[in-house]
Amino acid sequence: MCDGDYGIYGKGFEGYSHYMQAFEESQKGSSGGGPRKSNNGNSDNSGCIVAAVLMVLIYIIIKTIIENS
C-alpha cells in the first residue's frame, strides 16, 4: 500500500476514501472491546451516578436516625 494502491478499493485518494469508509462501517457493527456507547455516542455512565447519589442519601438517612436515637 505504499504506492497508493488500496487493492479492491482502488488507487489514490479515491481508493483511500473507499477503504476508510469500509473500515469505519465495519467498526460500527463491531461488538469488540471498549465501553458501550449510547445512541448519542456518549458512554452510558448514568448507573454510577445513580449509585453514588443513593449512597449519599442512605448515609444521610442513617446519620439522621442515629442522631435522633
Foldseek 3Di string as FASTA:
>chain_A
DVQQQLPPQGGDPSSVVSVVVVVVVVVVPDPDDDADADPVGHGPPVVVVVVVVVVVVVVVVVVVVVVVD
